[in-house]
Protein backbone atom coordinates (compact mmCIF):
# COMPACT_ATOMS: atom_id res chain seq x y z
CA MET A 1 -9.88 -20.31 -2.89
CA THR A 2 -7.85 -23.51 -2.91
CA GLY A 3 -5.42 -24.96 -5.45
CA ARG A 4 -3.76 -22.77 -8.05
CA ALA A 5 -4.01 -19.02 -7.72
CA THR A 6 -6.28 -17.50 -10.37
CA ILE A 7 -5.19 -14.34 -12.17
CA LEU A 8 -7.56 -12.14 -14.15
CA ILE A 9 -5.81 -10.33 -17.03
CA VAL A 10 -7.66 -7.20 -18.15
CA ASP A 11 -6.19 -5.79 -21.38
CA ASP A 12 -7.52 -5.13 -24.88
CA GLU A 13 -4.35 -6.25 -26.70
CA PRO A 14 -5.03 -9.87 -27.79
CA ASP A 15 -1.38 -10.71 -28.51
CA LEU A 16 -0.30 -9.47 -25.09
CA THR A 17 -3.08 -11.20 -23.15
CA ARG A 18 -2.42 -14.47 -24.99
CA LEU A 19 1.30 -14.23 -24.20
CA LEU A 20 0.64 -13.40 -20.54
CA ALA A 21 -1.94 -16.16 -20.14
CA GLU A 22 0.34 -18.78 -21.68
CA HIS A 23 3.32 -17.68 -19.59
CA LEU A 24 1.41 -17.52 -16.29
CA THR A 25 -0.17 -20.90 -16.99
CA ARG A 26 3.31 -22.39 -17.43
CA GLU A 27 4.23 -20.76 -14.11
CA GLY A 28 1.43 -22.71 -12.41
CA PHE A 29 -1.37 -20.13 -12.31
CA ALA A 30 -4.92 -20.41 -13.58
CA THR A 31 -5.79 -17.47 -15.84
CA ARG A 32 -8.84 -15.67 -17.19
CA VAL A 33 -8.88 -12.85 -19.71
CA ALA A 34 -11.13 -9.81 -20.09
CA PRO A 35 -10.74 -7.38 -23.03
CA ASP A 36 -12.61 -4.57 -21.24
CA ALA A 37 -13.80 -3.41 -17.83
CA GLU A 38 -17.40 -4.59 -18.26
CA THR A 39 -16.25 -8.14 -19.00
CA ALA A 40 -13.87 -8.01 -16.05
CA LEU A 41 -16.68 -7.00 -13.68
CA ARG A 42 -18.86 -9.82 -14.98
CA LEU A 43 -16.09 -12.37 -14.50
CA LEU A 44 -15.44 -11.12 -10.97
CA ASP A 45 -19.14 -11.43 -10.18
CA GLU A 46 -19.20 -14.99 -11.53
CA GLU A 47 -16.12 -16.30 -9.75
CA PRO A 48 -13.56 -14.70 -7.42
CA CYS A 49 -9.89 -14.54 -8.37
CA ASP A 50 -6.66 -14.03 -6.44
CA LEU A 51 -5.10 -11.16 -8.39
CA VAL A 52 -5.91 -8.77 -11.24
CA ILE A 53 -3.41 -7.56 -13.83
CA LEU A 54 -5.09 -4.39 -15.08
CA ASP A 55 -4.15 -2.19 -18.03
CA ILE A 56 -5.00 1.49 -17.62
CA MET A 57 -5.88 2.06 -21.29
CA LEU A 58 -9.09 0.13 -21.94
CA PRO A 59 -12.01 0.77 -24.33
CA GLY A 60 -15.07 2.22 -22.64
CA MET A 61 -14.48 2.30 -18.89
CA ASP A 62 -10.74 2.76 -18.39
CA GLY A 63 -8.54 0.94 -15.90
CA ILE A 64 -8.60 3.77 -13.35
CA ASP A 65 -12.40 3.70 -13.18
CA LEU A 66 -12.36 -0.09 -12.98
CA LEU A 67 -9.88 0.09 -10.10
CA ARG A 68 -12.26 2.47 -8.30
CA ARG A 69 -15.05 -0.11 -8.74
CA ILE A 70 -12.83 -2.90 -7.44
CA ARG A 71 -11.76 -0.88 -4.41
CA ASP A 72 -15.33 0.17 -3.58
CA PRO A 73 -16.06 -1.68 -0.30
CA ARG A 74 -19.74 -1.93 -1.25
CA ARG A 75 -18.88 -4.13 -4.23
CA GLY A 76 -17.02 -6.75 -2.25
CA TRP A 77 -13.43 -6.72 -3.60
CA PRO A 78 -11.62 -3.99 -1.63
CA ASP A 79 -8.77 -6.35 -0.68
CA LEU A 80 -8.30 -7.93 -4.11
CA PRO A 81 -4.63 -7.45 -5.17
CA VAL A 82 -4.21 -5.39 -8.36
CA ILE A 83 -1.12 -4.83 -10.49
CA MET A 84 -1.52 -1.91 -12.90
CA LEU A 85 -0.05 -1.83 -16.42
CA SER A 86 0.60 1.38 -18.32
CA ALA A 87 2.77 2.83 -21.04
CA ARG A 88 6.18 3.86 -19.79
CA GLY A 89 6.35 7.45 -18.63
CA SER A 90 2.66 7.84 -17.72
CA ALA A 91 3.48 9.43 -14.37
CA VAL A 92 -0.03 10.81 -13.85
CA ASP A 93 -1.65 7.42 -14.42
CA LYS A 94 0.84 5.82 -12.06
CA THR A 95 0.18 8.38 -9.33
CA VAL A 96 -3.60 8.06 -9.63
CA GLY A 97 -3.47 4.25 -9.71
CA LEU A 98 -1.30 4.01 -6.61
CA SER A 99 -3.40 6.57 -4.74
CA LEU A 100 -6.50 4.48 -5.44
CA GLY A 101 -4.92 1.42 -3.89
CA ALA A 102 -3.12 -0.49 -6.64
CA ASP A 103 -0.66 -2.93 -5.06
CA ASP A 104 2.01 -2.51 -7.71
CA TYR A 105 2.70 -0.83 -11.04
CA VAL A 106 4.53 -2.16 -14.10
CA ALA A 107 5.39 0.02 -17.10
CA LYS A 108 5.13 -1.29 -20.64
CA PRO A 109 7.14 -2.76 -22.21
CA PHE A 110 8.13 -5.17 -19.44
CA SER A 111 9.83 -8.53 -19.16
CA LEU A 112 7.76 -11.59 -18.31
CA LEU A 113 10.27 -12.48 -15.59
CA GLU A 114 9.82 -9.08 -13.95
CA LEU A 115 6.03 -9.32 -14.05
CA THR A 116 6.10 -12.88 -12.68
CA ALA A 117 8.33 -11.79 -9.78
CA ARG A 118 5.91 -8.98 -8.95
CA VAL A 119 2.91 -11.36 -9.15
CA HIS A 120 4.56 -13.74 -6.68
CA ALA A 121 5.49 -10.85 -4.34
CA VAL A 122 2.00 -9.31 -4.34
CA LEU A 123 0.32 -12.69 -3.80
CA ARG A 124 2.70 -13.48 -0.95
CA ARG A 125 1.90 -10.20 0.77
CA SER A 126 -1.82 -10.74 0.22
CA ARG A 127 -1.68 -14.18 1.81
CA THR A 128 0.34 -12.83 4.73
CA ARG A 129 -2.30 -10.15 5.38
CA ALA A 130 -5.10 -12.72 5.14
CA ALA A 131 -3.34 -14.99 7.64
CA GLN A 132 -3.00 -12.25 10.23
CA PRO A 133 -5.62 -12.33 13.01
CA ALA A 134 -8.23 -9.62 12.92
CA ALA A 135 -7.80 -6.77 15.33
CA VAL A 136 -9.81 -7.16 18.52
CA ASP A 137 -11.84 -4.22 19.75
CA PRO A 138 -10.43 -3.57 23.24
CA THR A 139 -13.50 -1.65 24.39
CA PRO A 140 -15.25 -3.64 27.11
CA VAL A 141 -18.88 -4.62 26.59
CA ALA A 142 -21.30 -4.04 29.42
CA THR A 143 -24.07 -6.47 30.32
CA ASP A 144 -26.54 -4.37 28.33
CA GLY A 145 -24.42 -4.81 25.21
CA ALA A 146 -23.21 -1.20 25.09
CA ARG A 147 -19.52 -0.50 24.65
CA ARG A 148 -17.73 1.42 27.36
CA PRO A 149 -14.68 3.52 26.44
CA SER A 150 -11.48 2.40 28.11
CA ALA A 151 -8.28 2.81 26.09
CA PRO A 152 -7.45 4.88 23.01
CA THR A 153 -7.70 3.09 19.68
CA PRO A 154 -4.60 2.94 17.43
CA SER A 155 -5.74 5.68 15.07
CA PRO A 156 -5.32 9.45 14.88
CA GLY A 157 -7.02 11.27 17.73
CA ARG A 158 -8.95 14.52 17.60
CA GLU A 159 -6.88 16.27 20.23
CA ALA A 160 -4.26 18.71 18.99
CA ALA A 161 -0.67 17.55 18.82
CA PRO A 162 2.02 19.40 20.79
CA PRO A 163 4.15 21.93 18.87
CA ALA A 164 6.76 20.29 16.66
CA ALA A 165 10.50 20.61 17.01
CA ALA A 166 13.34 19.44 14.77
CA PHE A 167 13.65 16.06 16.52
CA VAL A 168 12.50 15.43 20.09
CA ARG A 169 11.73 12.28 22.09
CA GLU A 170 9.59 12.60 25.19
CA PRO A 171 8.41 9.97 27.70
CA HIS A 172 4.75 9.02 27.62
CA ALA A 173 2.59 8.30 30.67
CA THR A 174 1.92 4.76 29.46
CA GLY A 175 5.63 3.98 29.21
CA GLY A 176 5.91 4.76 25.50
CA GLU A 177 7.11 7.96 23.89
CA VAL A 178 6.12 10.88 21.72
CA VAL A 179 8.48 11.67 18.87
CA ARG A 180 8.51 14.97 17.00
CA CYS A 181 10.24 15.20 13.64
CA GLY A 182 9.79 18.59 12.02
CA PRO A 183 6.06 19.03 11.29
CA LEU A 184 5.46 15.34 12.08
CA THR A 185 4.44 14.14 15.55
CA MET A 186 3.93 10.48 16.53
CA ASP A 187 2.52 9.18 19.78
CA LEU A 188 4.08 5.71 19.68
CA ALA A 189 2.11 4.54 22.71
CA ALA A 190 -1.27 5.34 21.18
CA ALA A 191 -0.32 4.90 17.49
CA ARG A 192 -1.40 8.45 16.61
CA VAL A 193 0.12 10.68 13.97
CA TRP A 194 -0.19 14.42 13.33
CA VAL A 195 1.23 16.74 10.68
CA ASP A 196 1.26 20.43 11.58
CA GLY A 197 -1.00 19.56 14.50
CA LYS A 198 -3.66 17.88 12.34
CA PRO A 199 -4.40 14.15 12.78
CA VAL A 200 -3.44 11.90 9.87
CA HIS A 201 -4.85 8.45 9.20
CA LEU A 202 -2.35 5.79 8.11
CA THR A 203 -2.86 2.16 7.17
CA ALA A 204 -1.22 -0.41 9.45
CA LYS A 205 1.74 -0.94 7.14
CA GLU A 206 2.20 2.79 6.51
CA TYR A 207 2.27 3.34 10.27
CA GLN A 208 4.73 0.48 10.82
CA MET A 209 7.06 1.89 8.16
CA LEU A 210 6.90 5.41 9.59
CA ALA A 211 7.32 4.22 13.20
CA TRP A 212 10.41 2.22 12.23
CA TRP A 213 11.82 5.05 10.17
CA ILE A 214 11.29 7.73 12.79
CA ARG A 215 13.51 5.72 15.12
CA HIS A 216 16.32 6.07 12.54
CA PRO A 217 16.16 9.69 11.36
CA ASP A 218 18.67 11.16 8.90
CA ARG A 219 20.04 7.73 7.92
CA VAL A 220 19.95 6.55 4.33
CA PHE A 221 18.39 3.12 3.74
CA THR A 222 18.09 1.11 0.54
CA LYS A 223 14.75 -0.33 -0.56
CA GLN A 224 15.98 -3.75 0.48
CA GLN A 225 16.87 -2.58 4.00
CA ILE A 226 13.50 -0.86 4.41
CA TYR A 227 11.53 -3.84 3.11
CA GLU A 228 13.31 -6.43 5.25
CA ALA A 229 13.03 -4.25 8.38
CA VAL A 230 9.33 -3.44 7.98
CA TRP A 231 7.94 -6.55 6.26
CA GLY A 232 10.27 -9.00 7.99
CA GLU A 233 10.87 -11.15 4.92
CA PRO A 234 13.47 -11.43 2.14
CA TYR A 235 13.45 -8.68 -0.46
CA VAL A 236 12.53 -9.55 -4.05
CA THR A 237 14.69 -7.82 -6.64
CA ASP A 238 12.83 -4.97 -8.33
CA ASP A 239 9.89 -5.35 -5.97
CA ASN A 240 7.98 -2.05 -6.04
CA THR A 241 6.38 -2.38 -2.59
CA VAL A 242 8.62 0.10 -0.79
CA ALA A 243 8.23 2.75 -3.49
CA VAL A 244 4.44 2.33 -3.45
CA HIS A 245 4.23 2.80 0.32
CA ILE A 246 6.62 5.75 0.28
CA HIS A 247 4.46 7.37 -2.40
CA ARG A 248 1.36 6.93 -0.22
CA LEU A 249 3.13 8.15 2.92
CA ARG A 250 4.34 11.27 1.15
CA ALA A 251 0.80 12.01 -0.02
CA LYS A 252 -0.33 11.98 3.62
CA ILE A 253 2.51 13.55 5.59
CA GLU A 254 4.32 15.91 3.22
CA ARG A 255 3.26 19.53 2.91
CA ASN A 256 4.13 19.25 -0.79
CA PRO A 257 4.32 15.59 -1.91
CA GLU A 258 5.83 16.67 -5.25
CA ARG A 259 8.79 18.16 -3.35
CA PRO A 260 9.08 15.93 -0.29
CA ALA A 261 10.98 17.36 2.67
CA ILE A 262 10.41 14.58 5.24
CA ILE A 263 10.95 11.40 3.22
CA GLN A 264 13.76 12.36 0.85
CA THR A 265 15.16 10.38 -2.07
CA VAL A 266 18.94 10.03 -2.11
CA ARG A 267 19.67 9.37 -5.75
CA GLY A 268 21.43 6.07 -6.36
CA LEU A 269 21.30 5.06 -2.70
CA GLY A 270 17.77 4.99 -1.26
CA TYR A 271 15.69 7.10 1.09
CA ARG A 272 16.04 8.91 4.38
CA LEU A 273 13.68 10.56 6.85
CA VAL A 274 14.71 14.14 7.55
CA CYS A 275 13.64 16.11 10.60
CA GLY A 276 13.85 19.75 9.57
CA PRO A 277 12.46 22.90 11.17
């Protein structure tokens, strides 16, 4: 799409949607409003948008089910940025929404300035991803059109990982290294990750965060330091990106994500990666 970014607001509170639409219009966005999930799906079918602000509590199909529909690759909007809205303290809704791929989460009541900052941050990240060149399949193609295996792809392999130690770096045959951090093992040359010897699939940004972090074990970093190191751009105050990615990483690499032992929160300071036994 060209011109102003279009934001679809999905909420059944008329006063709130009117306030949001008026404010975002003044901020330079085009807006559309849907009072329920069915209307939102129809509007998305009629015309694409750049971002969805989605309330969890909707009549009929709720926001979680609508998010599942949006993220369904068969429907055609798996990369559409979504900011979830929910009543403050709804930890279960927040966890489910983030696990389904919401880009950010804002608890009600919220300030318009906070929401606007998050909209700008999510749109910026979305445009950055869209501008990145697509990954090229390195597998050579023979004259008959068949692919011939050559090098490992940057995803978890099927082979078993070596036994883990507290923190060990080892040279790799390709010139890279294998790093073991407690139950976590990373082959930095092949971009493979295991937990307790089992391969784990990470998104590109999750892998980049973990690969950076595993080079700095046992050090405490603020959200700003993590964001600027991994994303390579200035941090936006109250941006929830780091917390979202840490939540997703914990779900994949922690033995008990509710009591994380690898990525630990240091109250009032930030986070650290701990390499225990």
